[in-house]
Amino acid sequence: MPTYKSLASIEEMARHVLALAPLDRFSLAGHSMGGRVALEVMRLAPERIERFALLDSGVAPLAAGAPGERERTQRLALLRVAREQGMRAMGRQWARGMVHSSRLETPLFEKIIEMIARNTPDDFEAQILALLARPDSGPVLAAVRCPTLLACGRQDAWSPLARHEDMQRLVPSSRLLAIEDSGHMTTMEQPTAVSRALLDWLAA
């Protein structure tokens, strides 16, 4: 699995993935920001992708005007918390909106915090810069012709099902799957359901 650390653009991250890929052709799945990276990999090297999956992700760039400024402000506020109070404190604040409400303050929630805390504020800043400058990947998704899975948590408040329904309209042949009883962190909240969906996708 690639780690991006100081890489501060989606394109840099995608080129890193391509450099590490052990095969000329491969199946590619990305979750959340990883989905944005997967879309950029698809833009750069579509001939290498056999199957394509996006989980809890999106295609739109930073919105213009007040909505975009609001997102920028929120992300930079989290970065200030990370620098002033540490990654664990930032993660505890950020993750509350990322899981199904039934999983708040559970052992799983603590595992998510631990995962976040393994990164540094500098790593987090690079990710923020990459996401704020993310490209419009709608045309990339619309051009996908390989077997494609779009999946997200039914209760994902960050990247909701309605967004994935819009994405499916760009690729009518894709399969759209709602992961039940899950927020944004589907791979950790519902690993069995996600694994089953990915196995079906790999067999397509």
C-alpha atoms as a PDB file:
ATOM      1  CA  MET A   1       0.000   0.000   0.000  1.00  0.00           C
ATOM      2  CA  PRO A   2       1.501   3.372  -0.956  1.00  0.00           C
ATOM      3  CA  THR A   3       2.114   6.024   1.680  1.00  0.00           C
ATOM      4  CA  TYR A   4       2.114   9.638   0.557  1.00  0.00           C
ATOM      5  CA  LYS A   5       3.703  11.463   3.509  1.00  0.00           C
ATOM      6  CA  SER A   6       5.049  14.788   2.125  1.00  0.00           C
ATOM      7  CA  LEU A   7       3.467  14.447  -1.337  1.00  0.00           C
ATOM      8  CA  ALA A   8       1.227  17.510  -1.620  1.00  0.00           C
ATOM      9  CA  SER A   9      -0.700  17.013  -4.864  1.00  0.00           C
ATOM     10  CA  ILE A  10      -3.080  14.379  -6.165  1.00  0.00           C
ATOM     11  CA  GLU A  11      -0.949  13.994  -9.295  1.00  0.00           C
ATOM     12  CA  GLU A  12       2.222  13.371  -7.273  1.00  0.00           C
ATOM     13  CA  MET A  13       0.387  10.733  -5.275  1.00  0.00           C
ATOM     14  CA  ALA A  14      -0.909   9.063  -8.440  1.00  0.00           C
ATOM     15  CA  ARG A  15       2.550   8.953 -10.005  1.00  0.00           C
ATOM     16  CA  HIS A  16       3.822   7.389  -6.793  1.00  0.00           C
ATOM     17  CA  VAL A  17       1.154   4.656  -7.070  1.00  0.00           C
ATOM     18  CA  LEU A  18       2.090   3.970 -10.681  1.00  0.00           C
ATOM     19  CA  ALA A  19       5.782   3.754  -9.789  1.00  0.00           C
ATOM     20  CA  LEU A  20       5.053   1.175  -7.080  1.00  0.00           C
ATOM     21  CA  ALA A  21       2.548  -0.947  -9.027  1.00  0.00           C
ATOM     22  CA  PRO A  22       4.188  -4.371  -9.513  1.00  0.00           C
ATOM     23  CA  LEU A  23       2.242  -5.283 -12.676  1.00  0.00           C
ATOM     24  CA  ASP A  24       1.696  -3.647 -16.049  1.00  0.00           C
ATOM     25  CA  ARG A  25      -2.068  -4.097 -15.609  1.00  0.00           C
ATOM     26  CA  PHE A  26      -3.918  -4.201 -12.312  1.00  0.00           C
ATOM     27  CA  SER A  27      -7.242  -3.624 -10.566  1.00  0.00           C
ATOM     28  CA  LEU A  28      -7.417  -0.339  -8.679  1.00  0.00           C
ATOM     29  CA  ALA A  29      -9.595   0.617  -5.710  1.00  0.00           C
ATOM     30  CA  GLY A  30      -9.429   3.826  -3.697  1.00  0.00           C
ATOM     31  CA  HIS A  31     -11.221   4.955  -0.536  1.00  0.00           C
ATOM     32  CA  SER A  32     -11.929   8.620   0.261  1.00  0.00           C
ATOM     33  CA  MET A  33      -8.845  10.665  -0.750  1.00  0.00           C
ATOM     34  CA  GLY A  34      -7.472   7.417  -2.173  1.00  0.00           C
ATOM     35  CA  GLY A  35     -10.372   7.495  -4.604  1.00  0.00           C
ATOM     36  CA  ARG A  36      -9.228  10.894  -5.818  1.00  0.00           C
ATOM     37  CA  VAL A  37      -5.762   9.438  -6.311  1.00  0.00           C
ATOM     38  CA  ALA A  38      -7.224   6.431  -8.139  1.00  0.00           C
ATOM     39  CA  LEU A  39      -9.037   8.772 -10.530  1.00  0.00           C
ATOM     40  CA  GLU A  40      -5.768  10.555 -11.276  1.00  0.00           C
ATOM     41  CA  VAL A  41      -4.060   7.193 -11.883  1.00  0.00           C
ATOM     42  CA  MET A  42      -6.862   6.433 -14.332  1.00  0.00           C
ATOM     43  CA  ARG A  43      -6.273   9.765 -16.073  1.00  0.00           C
ATOM     44  CA  LEU A  44      -2.539   9.178 -16.343  1.00  0.00           C
ATOM     45  CA  ALA A  45      -2.550   5.495 -17.344  1.00  0.00           C
ATOM     46  CA  PRO A  46      -6.017   4.170 -18.254  1.00  0.00           C
ATOM     47  CA  GLU A  47      -4.476   1.363 -20.292  1.00  0.00           C
ATOM     48  CA  ARG A  48      -3.068  -0.168 -17.100  1.00  0.00           C
ATOM     49  CA  ILE A  49      -6.369  -0.434 -15.226  1.00  0.00           C
ATOM     50  CA  GLU A  50      -8.390  -3.662 -15.561  1.00  0.00           C
ATOM     51  CA  ARG A  51     -11.042  -2.877 -12.940  1.00  0.00           C
ATOM     52  CA  PHE A  52     -11.842   0.307 -11.070  1.00  0.00           C
ATOM     53  CA  ALA A  53     -13.516   0.938  -7.706  1.00  0.00           C
ATOM     54  CA  LEU A  54     -14.232   4.104  -5.751  1.00  0.00           C
ATOM     55  CA  LEU A  55     -15.371   3.917  -2.125  1.00  0.00           C
ATOM     56  CA  ASP A  56     -16.730   6.922  -0.208  1.00  0.00           C
ATOM     57  CA  SER A  57     -15.095   9.337  -2.609  1.00  0.00           C
ATOM     58  CA  GLY A  58     -15.994  12.023  -5.164  1.00  0.00           C
ATOM     59  CA  VAL A  59     -15.018  13.707  -8.404  1.00  0.00           C
ATOM     60  CA  ALA A  60     -15.722  17.426  -7.907  1.00  0.00           C
ATOM     61  CA  PRO A  61     -12.980  20.023  -7.378  1.00  0.00           C
ATOM     62  CA  LEU A  62     -13.073  22.527  -4.538  1.00  0.00           C
ATOM     63  CA  ALA A  63     -16.315  24.448  -4.894  1.00  0.00           C
ATOM     64  CA  ALA A  64     -16.226  28.072  -5.974  1.00  0.00           C
ATOM     65  CA  GLY A  65     -17.199  30.919  -3.672  1.00  0.00           C
ATOM     66  CA  ALA A  66     -18.434  30.568  -0.103  1.00  0.00           C
ATOM     67  CA  PRO A  67     -18.756  26.732  -0.049  1.00  0.00           C
ATOM     68  CA  GLY A  68     -15.138  26.316  -1.123  1.00  0.00           C
ATOM     69  CA  GLU A  69     -13.922  28.881   1.383  1.00  0.00           C
ATOM     70  CA  ARG A  70     -15.892  27.116   4.094  1.00  0.00           C
ATOM     71  CA  GLU A  71     -14.192  23.805   3.270  1.00  0.00           C
ATOM     72  CA  ARG A  72     -10.782  25.494   3.216  1.00  0.00           C
ATOM     73  CA  THR A  73     -11.443  27.128   6.596  1.00  0.00           C
ATOM     74  CA  GLN A  74     -12.607  23.854   8.150  1.00  0.00           C
ATOM     75  CA  ARG A  75      -9.596  21.912   6.905  1.00  0.00           C
ATOM     76  CA  LEU A  76      -7.121  24.546   8.056  1.00  0.00           C
ATOM     77  CA  ALA A  77      -8.813  24.711  11.450  1.00  0.00           C
ATOM     78  CA  LEU A  78      -8.200  20.964  11.843  1.00  0.00           C
ATOM     79  CA  LEU A  79      -4.566  21.501  10.865  1.00  0.00           C
ATOM     80  CA  ARG A  80      -4.221  24.106  13.626  1.00  0.00           C
ATOM     81  CA  VAL A  81      -5.589  21.599  16.136  1.00  0.00           C
ATOM     82  CA  ALA A  82      -3.107  18.994  14.871  1.00  0.00           C
ATOM     83  CA  ARG A  83      -0.163  21.386  15.299  1.00  0.00           C
ATOM     84  CA  GLU A  84      -1.250  22.835  18.636  1.00  0.00           C
ATOM     85  CA  GLN A  85      -2.773  19.789  20.347  1.00  0.00           C
ATOM     86  CA  GLY A  86      -1.465  16.819  18.371  1.00  0.00           C
ATOM     87  CA  MET A  87      -2.806  14.413  15.791  1.00  0.00           C
ATOM     88  CA  ARG A  88      -4.771  12.385  18.323  1.00  0.00           C
ATOM     89  CA  ALA A  89      -6.769  15.433  19.413  1.00  0.00           C
ATOM     90  CA  MET A  90      -7.384  16.417  15.807  1.00  0.00           C
ATOM     91  CA  GLY A  91      -8.433  12.874  14.912  1.00  0.00           C
ATOM     92  CA  ARG A  92     -10.884  12.683  17.785  1.00  0.00           C
ATOM     93  CA  GLN A  93     -12.521  15.877  16.546  1.00  0.00           C
ATOM     94  CA  TRP A  94     -12.468  14.943  12.830  1.00  0.00           C
ATOM     95  CA  ALA A  95     -13.580  11.327  13.171  1.00  0.00           C
ATOM     96  CA  ARG A  96     -16.813  12.133  14.973  1.00  0.00           C
ATOM     97  CA  GLY A  97     -18.367  13.036  11.637  1.00  0.00           C
ATOM     98  CA  MET A  98     -16.814  10.086   9.809  1.00  0.00           C
ATOM     99  CA  VAL A  99     -18.451   7.060  11.432  1.00  0.00           C
ATOM    100  CA  HIS A 100     -21.950   5.770  12.045  1.00  0.00           C
ATOM    101  CA  SER A 101     -23.267   7.396  15.217  1.00  0.00           C
ATOM    102  CA  SER A 102     -23.476   4.002  16.952  1.00  0.00           C
ATOM    103  CA  ARG A 103     -19.670   3.664  16.761  1.00  0.00           C
ATOM    104  CA  LEU A 104     -18.718   6.852  18.590  1.00  0.00           C
ATOM    105  CA  GLU A 105     -16.477   6.154  21.597  1.00  0.00           C
ATOM    106  CA  THR A 106     -16.248   2.430  20.797  1.00  0.00           C
ATOM    107  CA  PRO A 107     -13.076   0.310  20.413  1.00  0.00           C
ATOM    108  CA  LEU A 108     -13.401   0.742  16.635  1.00  0.00           C
ATOM    109  CA  PHE A 109     -13.516   4.515  17.039  1.00  0.00           C
ATOM    110  CA  GLU A 110     -10.331   4.305  19.104  1.00  0.00           C
ATOM    111  CA  LYS A 111      -8.648   2.263  16.347  1.00  0.00           C
ATOM    112  CA  ILE A 112      -9.464   5.020  13.864  1.00  0.00           C
ATOM    113  CA  ILE A 113      -7.920   7.585  16.215  1.00  0.00           C
ATOM    114  CA  GLU A 114      -4.809   5.413  16.542  1.00  0.00           C
ATOM    115  CA  MET A 115      -4.525   5.170  12.750  1.00  0.00           C
ATOM    116  CA  ILE A 116      -4.728   8.953  12.432  1.00  0.00           C
ATOM    117  CA  ALA A 117      -2.186   9.456  15.221  1.00  0.00           C
ATOM    118  CA  ARG A 118       0.434   7.473  13.282  1.00  0.00           C
ATOM    119  CA  ASN A 119       0.727  10.450  10.920  1.00  0.00           C
ATOM    120  CA  THR A 120       2.371  13.794  11.605  1.00  0.00           C
ATOM    121  CA  PRO A 121       0.937  17.303  11.245  1.00  0.00           C
ATOM    122  CA  ASP A 122       3.255  17.772   8.238  1.00  0.00           C
ATOM    123  CA  ASP A 123       1.746  14.657   6.600  1.00  0.00           C
ATOM    124  CA  PHE A 124      -1.714  16.020   7.329  1.00  0.00           C
ATOM    125  CA  GLU A 125      -0.863  19.419   5.849  1.00  0.00           C
ATOM    126  CA  ALA A 126       0.333  17.776   2.621  1.00  0.00           C
ATOM    127  CA  GLN A 127      -2.969  15.890   2.360  1.00  0.00           C
ATOM    128  CA  ILE A 128      -4.938  19.087   2.934  1.00  0.00           C
ATOM    129  CA  LEU A 129      -3.006  20.938   0.235  1.00  0.00           C
ATOM    130  CA  ALA A 130      -3.607  18.064  -2.179  1.00  0.00           C
ATOM    131  CA  LEU A 131      -7.335  17.967  -1.462  1.00  0.00           C
ATOM    132  CA  LEU A 132      -7.808  21.723  -1.705  1.00  0.00           C
ATOM    133  CA  ALA A 133      -6.159  21.673  -5.148  1.00  0.00           C
ATOM    134  CA  ARG A 134      -7.937  18.496  -6.309  1.00  0.00           C
ATOM    135  CA  PRO A 135      -8.868  18.423  -9.996  1.00  0.00           C
ATOM    136  CA  ASP A 136     -12.291  17.993 -11.543  1.00  0.00           C
ATOM    137  CA  SER A 137     -12.271  14.253 -12.206  1.00  0.00           C
ATOM    138  CA  GLY A 138     -15.767  13.994 -13.639  1.00  0.00           C
ATOM    139  CA  PRO A 139     -14.496  13.668 -17.231  1.00  0.00           C
ATOM    140  CA  VAL A 140     -12.058  10.950 -16.120  1.00  0.00           C
ATOM    141  CA  LEU A 141     -14.830   8.917 -14.517  1.00  0.00           C
ATOM    142  CA  ALA A 142     -17.110   9.408 -17.513  1.00  0.00           C
ATOM    143  CA  ALA A 143     -14.432   7.888 -19.765  1.00  0.00           C
ATOM    144  CA  VAL A 144     -14.025   4.697 -17.697  1.00  0.00           C
ATOM    145  CA  ARG A 145     -14.900   1.552 -19.651  1.00  0.00           C
ATOM    146  CA  CYS A 146     -13.645  -1.258 -17.396  1.00  0.00           C
ATOM    147  CA  PRO A 147     -15.763  -3.020 -14.710  1.00  0.00           C
ATOM    148  CA  THR A 148     -16.466  -0.319 -12.126  1.00  0.00           C
ATOM    149  CA  LEU A 149     -17.761  -0.392  -8.555  1.00  0.00           C
ATOM    150  CA  LEU A 150     -19.021   2.670  -6.692  1.00  0.00           C
ATOM    151  CA  ALA A 151     -19.703   2.096  -2.999  1.00  0.00           C
ATOM    152  CA  CYS A 152     -20.261   4.172   0.107  1.00  0.00           C
ATOM    153  CA  GLY A 153     -21.707   3.936   3.572  1.00  0.00           C
ATOM    154  CA  ARG A 154     -25.459   4.412   3.713  1.00  0.00           C
ATOM    155  CA  GLN A 155     -24.904   6.942   6.504  1.00  0.00           C
ATOM    156  CA  ASP A 156     -21.770   8.574   5.031  1.00  0.00           C
ATOM    157  CA  ALA A 157     -22.295  12.259   5.832  1.00  0.00           C
ATOM    158  CA  TRP A 158     -18.982  13.345   4.267  1.00  0.00           C
ATOM    159  CA  SER A 159     -19.350  11.696   0.856  1.00  0.00           C
ATOM    160  CA  PRO A 160     -23.042  10.778   0.738  1.00  0.00           C
ATOM    161  CA  LEU A 161     -24.909   8.242  -1.327  1.00  0.00           C
ATOM    162  CA  ALA A 162     -26.495  10.991  -3.444  1.00  0.00           C
ATOM    163  CA  ARG A 163     -23.027  11.997  -4.645  1.00  0.00           C
ATOM    164  CA  HIS A 164     -22.337   8.416  -5.695  1.00  0.00           C
ATOM    165  CA  GLU A 165     -25.663   8.292  -7.523  1.00  0.00           C
ATOM    166  CA  ASP A 166     -24.497  11.334  -9.511  1.00  0.00           C
ATOM    167  CA  MET A 167     -21.204   9.554 -10.179  1.00  0.00           C
ATOM    168  CA  GLN A 168     -23.019   6.458 -11.417  1.00  0.00           C
ATOM    169  CA  ARG A 169     -24.834   8.597 -13.980  1.00  0.00           C
ATOM    170  CA  LEU A 170     -21.411   9.310 -15.471  1.00  0.00           C
ATOM    171  CA  VAL A 171     -20.736   5.553 -15.777  1.00  0.00           C
ATOM    172  CA  PRO A 172     -24.144   3.889 -16.266  1.00  0.00           C
ATOM    173  CA  SER A 173     -22.530   0.461 -16.546  1.00  0.00           C
ATOM    174  CA  SER A 174     -21.025   0.732 -13.055  1.00  0.00           C
ATOM    175  CA  ARG A 175     -22.409  -1.049 -10.003  1.00  0.00           C
ATOM    176  CA  LEU A 176     -23.549   1.202  -7.165  1.00  0.00           C
ATOM    177  CA  LEU A 177     -23.596  -0.293  -3.685  1.00  0.00           C
ATOM    178  CA  ALA A 178     -24.694   1.243  -0.381  1.00  0.00           C
ATOM    179  CA  ILE A 179     -22.903  -0.326   2.586  1.00  0.00           C
ATOM    180  CA  GLU A 180     -25.535  -0.611   5.283  1.00  0.00           C
ATOM    181  CA  ASP A 181     -25.043   0.700   8.829  1.00  0.00           C
ATOM    182  CA  SER A 182     -21.857   2.542   7.958  1.00  0.00           C
ATOM    183  CA  GLY A 183     -20.529   6.067   7.849  1.00  0.00           C
ATOM    184  CA  HIS A 184     -17.542   7.227   5.803  1.00  0.00           C
ATOM    185  CA  MET A 185     -15.069   4.677   7.168  1.00  0.00           C
ATOM    186  CA  THR A 186     -16.656   1.685   5.428  1.00  0.00           C
ATOM    187  CA  THR A 187     -13.489  -0.395   5.214  1.00  0.00           C
ATOM    188  CA  MET A 188     -13.195  -0.349   8.997  1.00  0.00           C
ATOM    189  CA  GLU A 189     -16.861  -0.139   9.971  1.00  0.00           C
ATOM    190  CA  GLN A 190     -18.125  -2.924   7.703  1.00  0.00           C
ATOM    191  CA  PRO A 191     -15.045  -4.858   6.525  1.00  0.00           C
ATOM    192  CA  THR A 192     -16.973  -8.040   5.680  1.00  0.00           C
ATOM    193  CA  ALA A 193     -19.467  -6.245   3.447  1.00  0.00           C
ATOM    194  CA  VAL A 194     -16.709  -4.265   1.738  1.00  0.00           C
ATOM    195  CA  SER A 195     -14.575  -7.379   1.208  1.00  0.00           C
ATOM    196  CA  ARG A 196     -17.543  -9.236  -0.281  1.00  0.00           C
ATOM    197  CA  ALA A 197     -18.225  -6.337  -2.665  1.00  0.00           C
ATOM    198  CA  LEU A 198     -14.591  -6.211  -3.734  1.00  0.00           C
ATOM    199  CA  LEU A 199     -14.462  -9.963  -4.342  1.00  0.00           C
ATOM    200  CA  ASP A 200     -17.545  -9.683  -6.568  1.00  0.00           C
ATOM    201  CA  TRP A 201     -15.901  -6.766  -8.391  1.00  0.00           C
ATOM    202  CA  LEU A 202     -12.694  -8.743  -8.909  1.00  0.00           C
ATOM    203  CA  ALA A 203     -14.709 -11.589 -10.387  1.00  0.00           C
ATOM    204  CA  ALA A 204     -16.542  -9.300 -12.826  1.00  0.00           C
END
